[in-house]
C-alpha atoms as a PDB file:
ATOM      1  CA  MET A   1      -0.110  -0.014   0.134  1.00  0.00           C
ATOM      2  CA  ASN A   2       1.443   3.392  -0.735  1.00  0.00           C
ATOM      3  CA  ILE A   3       0.965   5.729   2.074  1.00  0.00           C
ATOM      4  CA  PRO A   4       1.310   9.420   1.364  1.00  0.00           C
ATOM      5  CA  SER A   5       2.394  12.078   3.595  1.00  0.00           C
ATOM      6  CA  LYS A   6      -0.930  13.532   3.781  1.00  0.00           C
ATOM      7  CA  PRO A   7      -3.578  11.524   5.519  1.00  0.00           C
ATOM      8  CA  ASN A   8      -6.336  12.800   3.273  1.00  0.00           C
ATOM      9  CA  SER A   9      -4.787  11.841   0.257  1.00  0.00           C
ATOM     10  CA  ILE A  10      -4.858   8.048   1.207  1.00  0.00           C
ATOM     11  CA  GLU A  11      -6.025   5.845  -1.588  1.00  0.00           C
ATOM     12  CA  VAL A  12      -8.825   3.624  -0.531  1.00  0.00           C
ATOM     13  CA  GLU A  13      -8.322   0.100  -1.444  1.00  0.00           C
ATOM     14  CA  ILE A  14     -11.373  -2.144  -1.994  1.00  0.00           C
ATOM     15  CA  HIS A  15     -10.798  -5.663  -1.220  1.00  0.00           C
ATOM     16  CA  GLY A  16     -12.780  -8.961  -1.110  1.00  0.00           C
ATOM     17  CA  ASN A  17     -12.540 -12.221   0.718  1.00  0.00           C
ATOM     18  CA  PHE A  18      -9.503 -14.399   0.005  1.00  0.00           C
ATOM     19  CA  VAL A  19     -10.767 -17.876  -0.576  1.00  0.00           C
ATOM     20  CA  ASP A  20      -9.260 -20.641  -2.822  1.00  0.00           C
ATOM     21  CA  GLY A  21      -5.970 -18.701  -3.328  1.00  0.00           C
ATOM     22  CA  ARG A  22      -7.712 -15.518  -4.868  1.00  0.00           C
ATOM     23  CA  GLU A  23      -9.785 -12.515  -3.865  1.00  0.00           C
ATOM     24  CA  ILE A  24     -13.330 -13.004  -4.560  1.00  0.00           C
ATOM     25  CA  GLU A  25     -16.493 -10.654  -4.142  1.00  0.00           C
ATOM     26  CA  ALA A  26     -18.439 -11.302  -1.013  1.00  0.00           C
ATOM     27  CA  GLY A  27     -21.313  -9.898   1.248  1.00  0.00           C
ATOM     28  CA  ASN A  28     -23.837  -9.493  -1.704  1.00  0.00           C
ATOM     29  CA  GLY A  29     -21.964  -6.448  -2.718  1.00  0.00           C
ATOM     30  CA  GLU A  30     -22.475  -4.681   0.690  1.00  0.00           C
ATOM     31  CA  MET A  31     -19.108  -2.927   1.795  1.00  0.00           C
ATOM     32  CA  LEU A  32     -17.664  -1.970   5.181  1.00  0.00           C
ATOM     33  CA  ASP A  33     -15.321   0.958   5.514  1.00  0.00           C
ATOM     34  CA  VAL A  34     -12.096   0.176   7.536  1.00  0.00           C
ATOM     35  CA  ARG A  35     -10.998   3.280   9.197  1.00  0.00           C
ATOM     36  CA  ASN A  36      -7.708   4.552  10.825  1.00  0.00           C
ATOM     37  CA  PRO A  37      -9.054   5.068  14.537  1.00  0.00           C
ATOM     38  CA  ALA A  38      -6.588   7.906  14.941  1.00  0.00           C
ATOM     39  CA  THR A  39      -8.010  10.264  12.182  1.00  0.00           C
ATOM     40  CA  GLY A  40     -11.429   8.510  10.993  1.00  0.00           C
ATOM     41  CA  ALA A  41     -10.354   8.256   7.485  1.00  0.00           C
ATOM     42  CA  VAL A  42     -11.539   5.322   5.588  1.00  0.00           C
ATOM     43  CA  ILE A  43      -8.231   3.370   4.546  1.00  0.00           C
ATOM     44  CA  ALA A  44      -9.872   0.375   2.927  1.00  0.00           C
ATOM     45  CA  ARG A  45     -13.331  -1.129   1.932  1.00  0.00           C
ATOM     46  CA  ILE A  46     -14.046  -4.856   2.767  1.00  0.00           C
ATOM     47  CA  PRO A  47     -17.095  -6.903   2.271  1.00  0.00           C
ATOM     48  CA  ASN A  48     -19.592  -7.398   4.838  1.00  0.00           C
ATOM     49  CA  SER A  49     -19.697 -11.170   4.601  1.00  0.00           C
ATOM     50  CA  THR A  50     -22.484 -13.245   4.954  1.00  0.00           C
ATOM     51  CA  ARG A  51     -23.389 -16.653   6.225  1.00  0.00           C
ATOM     52  CA  GLU A  52     -23.003 -18.027   2.581  1.00  0.00           C
ATOM     53  CA  ASP A  53     -19.698 -16.329   2.349  1.00  0.00           C
ATOM     54  CA  ILE A  54     -18.624 -18.015   5.615  1.00  0.00           C
ATOM     55  CA  ASP A  55     -19.730 -21.289   4.418  1.00  0.00           C
ATOM     56  CA  ARG A  56     -17.811 -21.015   1.065  1.00  0.00           C
ATOM     57  CA  ALA A  57     -14.914 -20.187   2.991  1.00  0.00           C
ATOM     58  CA  MET A  58     -15.244 -23.231   5.481  1.00  0.00           C
ATOM     59  CA  LYS A  59     -15.923 -25.596   2.455  1.00  0.00           C
ATOM     60  CA  SER A  60     -12.544 -24.345   0.773  1.00  0.00           C
ATOM     61  CA  ALA A  61     -10.650 -24.621   3.960  1.00  0.00           C
ATOM     62  CA  ARG A  62     -12.313 -28.248   4.475  1.00  0.00           C
ATOM     63  CA  SER A  63     -11.353 -29.088   0.872  1.00  0.00           C
ATOM     64  CA  ALA A  64      -7.934 -27.866   1.509  1.00  0.00           C
ATOM     65  CA  PHE A  65      -7.536 -30.054   4.680  1.00  0.00           C
ATOM     66  CA  GLU A  66      -8.747 -33.236   3.201  1.00  0.00           C
ATOM     67  CA  GLY A  67      -6.877 -32.646  -0.055  1.00  0.00           C
ATOM     68  CA  LYS A  68      -3.473 -34.350  -1.046  1.00  0.00           C
ATOM     69  CA  ALA A  69      -1.670 -30.782  -1.636  1.00  0.00           C
ATOM     70  CA  TRP A  70      -2.031 -29.520   1.846  1.00  0.00           C
ATOM     71  CA  GLY A  71      -3.563 -32.498   3.808  1.00  0.00           C
ATOM     72  CA  GLY A  72      -0.858 -34.817   2.404  1.00  0.00           C
ATOM     73  CA  MET A  73       2.174 -32.562   3.017  1.00  0.00           C
ATOM     74  CA  ASP A  74       4.736 -33.937   5.283  1.00  0.00           C
ATOM     75  CA  THR A  75       5.692 -31.737   8.357  1.00  0.00           C
ATOM     76  CA  ARG A  76       9.126 -30.733   7.268  1.00  0.00           C
ATOM     77  CA  SER A  77       7.725 -29.358   3.966  1.00  0.00           C
ATOM     78  CA  ARG A  78       5.141 -27.446   6.010  1.00  0.00           C
ATOM     79  CA  ALA A  79       7.724 -26.204   8.307  1.00  0.00           C
ATOM     80  CA  ARG A  80       9.643 -24.881   5.124  1.00  0.00           C
ATOM     81  CA  LEU A  81       6.438 -23.095   4.037  1.00  0.00           C
ATOM     82  CA  VAL A  82       5.939 -21.449   7.358  1.00  0.00           C
ATOM     83  CA  ASN A  83       9.791 -20.351   7.327  1.00  0.00           C
ATOM     84  CA  ARG A  84       8.897 -18.676   3.672  1.00  0.00           C
ATOM     85  CA  LEU A  85       6.170 -17.039   5.308  1.00  0.00           C
ATOM     86  CA  ALA A  86       8.346 -15.450   7.929  1.00  0.00           C
ATOM     87  CA  ASP A  87      10.893 -14.563   5.015  1.00  0.00           C
ATOM     88  CA  ALA A  88       8.077 -12.843   3.092  1.00  0.00           C
ATOM     89  CA  PHE A  89       7.083 -10.758   6.224  1.00  0.00           C
ATOM     90  CA  GLU A  90      10.833  -9.541   6.550  1.00  0.00           C
ATOM     91  CA  ALA A  91      10.880  -8.744   2.919  1.00  0.00           C
ATOM     92  CA  ASN A  92       7.869  -6.578   3.306  1.00  0.00           C
ATOM     93  CA  LEU A  93       8.289  -4.973   6.802  1.00  0.00           C
ATOM     94  CA  ASP A  94       8.208  -1.114   5.541  1.00  0.00           C
ATOM     95  CA  ALA A  95       4.679  -1.546   3.903  1.00  0.00           C
ATOM     96  CA  LEU A  96       3.558  -3.802   6.673  1.00  0.00           C
ATOM     97  CA  TYR A  97       4.386  -1.296   9.519  1.00  0.00           C
ATOM     98  CA  ARG A  98       2.900   1.651   7.747  1.00  0.00           C
ATOM     99  CA  LEU A  99      -0.266  -0.400   7.065  1.00  0.00           C
ATOM    100  CA  GLU A 100      -0.325  -1.745  10.631  1.00  0.00           C
ATOM    101  CA  THR A 101      -0.195   1.866  11.707  1.00  0.00           C
ATOM    102  CA  LEU A 102      -2.952   2.954   9.669  1.00  0.00           C
ATOM    103  CA  ASN A 103      -5.217   0.073  10.731  1.00  0.00           C
ATOM    104  CA  ASN A 104      -4.636   0.322  14.378  1.00  0.00           C
ATOM    105  CA  GLY A 105      -4.475   4.158  14.660  1.00  0.00           C
ATOM    106  CA  ARG A 106      -1.060   3.979  16.843  1.00  0.00           C
ATOM    107  CA  PRO A 107       2.106   5.978  16.259  1.00  0.00           C
ATOM    108  CA  VAL A 108       4.439   4.898  13.714  1.00  0.00           C
ATOM    109  CA  ASN A 109       7.055   4.440  16.525  1.00  0.00           C
ATOM    110  CA  GLU A 110       4.828   1.957  18.523  1.00  0.00           C
ATOM    111  CA  THR A 111       4.185  -0.451  15.398  1.00  0.00           C
ATOM    112  CA  GLY A 112       7.061   0.556  13.293  1.00  0.00           C
ATOM    113  CA  ARG A 113      10.445  -1.403  12.352  1.00  0.00           C
ATOM    114  CA  ASN A 114      11.730  -1.257  15.646  1.00  0.00           C
ATOM    115  CA  CYS A 115       8.587  -2.437  17.589  1.00  0.00           C
ATOM    116  CA  ARG A 116       5.857  -4.839  17.047  1.00  0.00           C
ATOM    117  CA  VAL A 117       5.581  -5.513  13.375  1.00  0.00           C
ATOM    118  CA  CYS A 118       9.336  -6.205  13.396  1.00  0.00           C
ATOM    119  CA  ARG A 119       8.623  -9.239  15.658  1.00  0.00           C
ATOM    120  CA  ILE A 120       6.269 -10.955  13.412  1.00  0.00           C
ATOM    121  CA  SER A 121       8.840 -13.502  11.908  1.00  0.00           C
ATOM    122  CA  SER A 122      10.187 -13.931  15.400  1.00  0.00           C
ATOM    123  CA  ALA A 123       6.665 -14.994  16.246  1.00  0.00           C
ATOM    124  CA  ILE A 124       6.386 -17.215  13.363  1.00  0.00           C
ATOM    125  CA  LEU A 125       9.560 -19.093  13.421  1.00  0.00           C
ATOM    126  CA  PRO A 126       9.148 -21.119  16.871  1.00  0.00           C
ATOM    127  CA  ALA A 127       6.134 -22.945  15.194  1.00  0.00           C
ATOM    128  CA  CYS A 128       8.410 -24.843  12.829  1.00  0.00           C
ATOM    129  CA  PRO A 129      10.503 -26.764  15.094  1.00  0.00           C
ATOM    130  CA  VAL A 130       7.676 -27.455  17.319  1.00  0.00           C
ATOM    131  CA  ALA A 131       5.723 -29.098  14.343  1.00  0.00           C
ATOM    132  CA  THR A 132       8.678 -31.296  13.256  1.00  0.00           C
ATOM    133  CA  ARG A 133       9.567 -32.368  16.731  1.00  0.00           C
ATOM    134  CA  LEU A 134       8.830 -36.243  16.850  1.00  0.00           C
ATOM    135  CA  ARG A 135       9.983 -37.051  20.503  1.00  0.00           C
ATOM    136  CA  ASP A 136       7.370 -37.784  23.089  1.00  0.00           C
ATOM    137  CA  PRO A 137       7.435 -35.644  26.198  1.00  0.00           C
ATOM    138  CA  PRO A 138       9.122 -37.163  29.187  1.00  0.00           C
ATOM    139  CA  VAL A 139       6.864 -38.874  31.958  1.00  0.00           C
ATOM    140  CA  GLU A 140       8.211 -40.266  35.163  1.00  0.00           C
ATOM    141  CA  GLY A 141       6.694 -43.382  36.523  1.00  0.00           C
ATOM    142  CA  SER A 142       5.583 -46.891  34.685  1.00  0.00           C
ATOM    143  CA  TYR A 143       3.613 -45.380  32.115  1.00  0.00           C
ATOM    144  CA  LEU A 144       3.218 -45.859  28.469  1.00  0.00           C
ATOM    145  CA  ASN A 145       3.466 -42.512  26.835  1.00  0.00           C
ATOM    146  CA  TYR A 146       3.057 -41.442  23.221  1.00  0.00           C
ATOM    147  CA  THR A 147       2.263 -38.187  21.156  1.00  0.00           C
ATOM    148  CA  LEU A 148      -0.090 -38.646  18.177  1.00  0.00           C
ATOM    149  CA  ARG A 149       0.376 -35.630  16.195  1.00  0.00           C
ATOM    150  CA  THR A 150      -2.788 -35.323  14.177  1.00  0.00           C
ATOM    151  CA  PRO A 151      -4.236 -31.958  12.637  1.00  0.00           C
ATOM    152  CA  LEU A 152      -7.531 -31.294  13.985  1.00  0.00           C
ATOM    153  CA  GLY A 153      -8.942 -29.476  10.919  1.00  0.00           C
ATOM    154  CA  ILE A 154     -10.215 -25.906  10.515  1.00  0.00           C
ATOM    155  CA  VAL A 155      -9.190 -23.378  12.851  1.00  0.00           C
ATOM    156  CA  ALA A 156     -10.937 -19.993  13.322  1.00  0.00           C
ATOM    157  CA  ASN A 157      -8.732 -17.191  13.776  1.00  0.00           C
ATOM    158  CA  CYS A 158     -10.183 -13.836  14.752  1.00  0.00           C
ATOM    159  CA  THR A 159      -7.955 -10.985  14.893  1.00  0.00           C
ATOM    160  CA  PRO A 160      -8.593  -7.814  16.943  1.00  0.00           C
ATOM    161  CA  PHE A 161      -8.358  -4.149  16.076  1.00  0.00           C
ATOM    162  CA  ASN A 162      -5.122  -3.507  18.158  1.00  0.00           C
ATOM    163  CA  HIS A 163      -2.180  -4.934  16.069  1.00  0.00           C
ATOM    164  CA  PRO A 164      -4.373  -7.319  13.933  1.00  0.00           C
ATOM    165  CA  LEU A 165      -1.387  -8.448  11.916  1.00  0.00           C
ATOM    166  CA  MET A 166       0.738  -9.357  14.722  1.00  0.00           C
ATOM    167  CA  ILE A 167      -1.678 -10.991  16.679  1.00  0.00           C
ATOM    168  CA  LEU A 168      -2.724 -13.266  13.876  1.00  0.00           C
ATOM    169  CA  CYS A 169       0.705 -14.168  12.844  1.00  0.00           C
ATOM    170  CA  LYS A 170       1.346 -15.615  16.381  1.00  0.00           C
ATOM    171  CA  SER A 171      -1.498 -18.044  16.238  1.00  0.00           C
ATOM    172  CA  LEU A 172      -1.344 -18.519  12.275  1.00  0.00           C
ATOM    173  CA  ALA A 173       2.117 -19.910  12.179  1.00  0.00           C
ATOM    174  CA  ALA A 174       1.131 -22.651  14.620  1.00  0.00           C
ATOM    175  CA  VAL A 175      -2.076 -23.501  12.849  1.00  0.00           C
ATOM    176  CA  LEU A 176      -0.216 -23.897   9.315  1.00  0.00           C
ATOM    177  CA  ALA A 177       2.605 -25.836  10.832  1.00  0.00           C
ATOM    178  CA  SER A 178       0.750 -28.295  12.636  1.00  0.00           C
ATOM    179  CA  GLY A 179      -1.205 -29.221   9.306  1.00  0.00           C
ATOM    180  CA  CYS A 180      -4.511 -27.301  10.151  1.00  0.00           C
ATOM    181  CA  VAL A 181      -6.080 -24.845   7.818  1.00  0.00           C
ATOM    182  CA  THR A 182      -7.885 -21.617   8.945  1.00  0.00           C
ATOM    183  CA  VAL A 183     -10.547 -19.241   8.213  1.00  0.00           C
ATOM    184  CA  VAL A 184      -9.502 -15.766   9.508  1.00  0.00           C
ATOM    185  CA  ASN A 185     -11.963 -13.014  10.377  1.00  0.00           C
ATOM    186  CA  ARG A 186     -10.857  -9.532  11.102  1.00  0.00           C
ATOM    187  CA  ARG A 187     -13.050  -7.848  13.877  1.00  0.00           C
ATOM    188  CA  ASN A 188     -13.122  -4.125  13.916  1.00  0.00           C
ATOM    189  CA  ILE A 189     -15.208  -3.783  16.951  1.00  0.00           C
ATOM    190  CA  ARG A 190     -13.915  -1.550  19.462  1.00  0.00           C
ATOM    191  CA  ARG A 191     -15.375  -0.763  23.124  1.00  0.00           C
END
């Protein structure tokens, strides 16, 4: 996103829902404004998703979970993909911290390069070794102990208004590294 120096000249981006690897129209055409809480300026427009939109996203997630491309992928390959996700965040930090600043209304020095958003990759990377660790945790006593690492399915991730990107990434990495799939909902409700 191109962030100009004058807040009133921000180009408002219009987005759809991201399903099946592409952006699609949703919400019966009804759009919601995403506002910078510090200025009230509209920074984007997103669909007011319906139950049908959520059902479509859930069916897509279920299909991916049960499919060979994702559901049949071995843990090391998933861990490599999650590492690539961390690399992609690192490569786009400047744009991401500016977008996060507009989105949550906090000062740039709080969300910027030296603060929260720069920690995204360090929040993602710990999920990789956890997903590939095959040892059982130690248990004292005469017990038979084993760990069955089985992805559970679809995980619903809801992101709050304060640092939505940072908070999402903390849970998203573990979800993906474990072999689950996700449907993400961005909540824009403030008290």
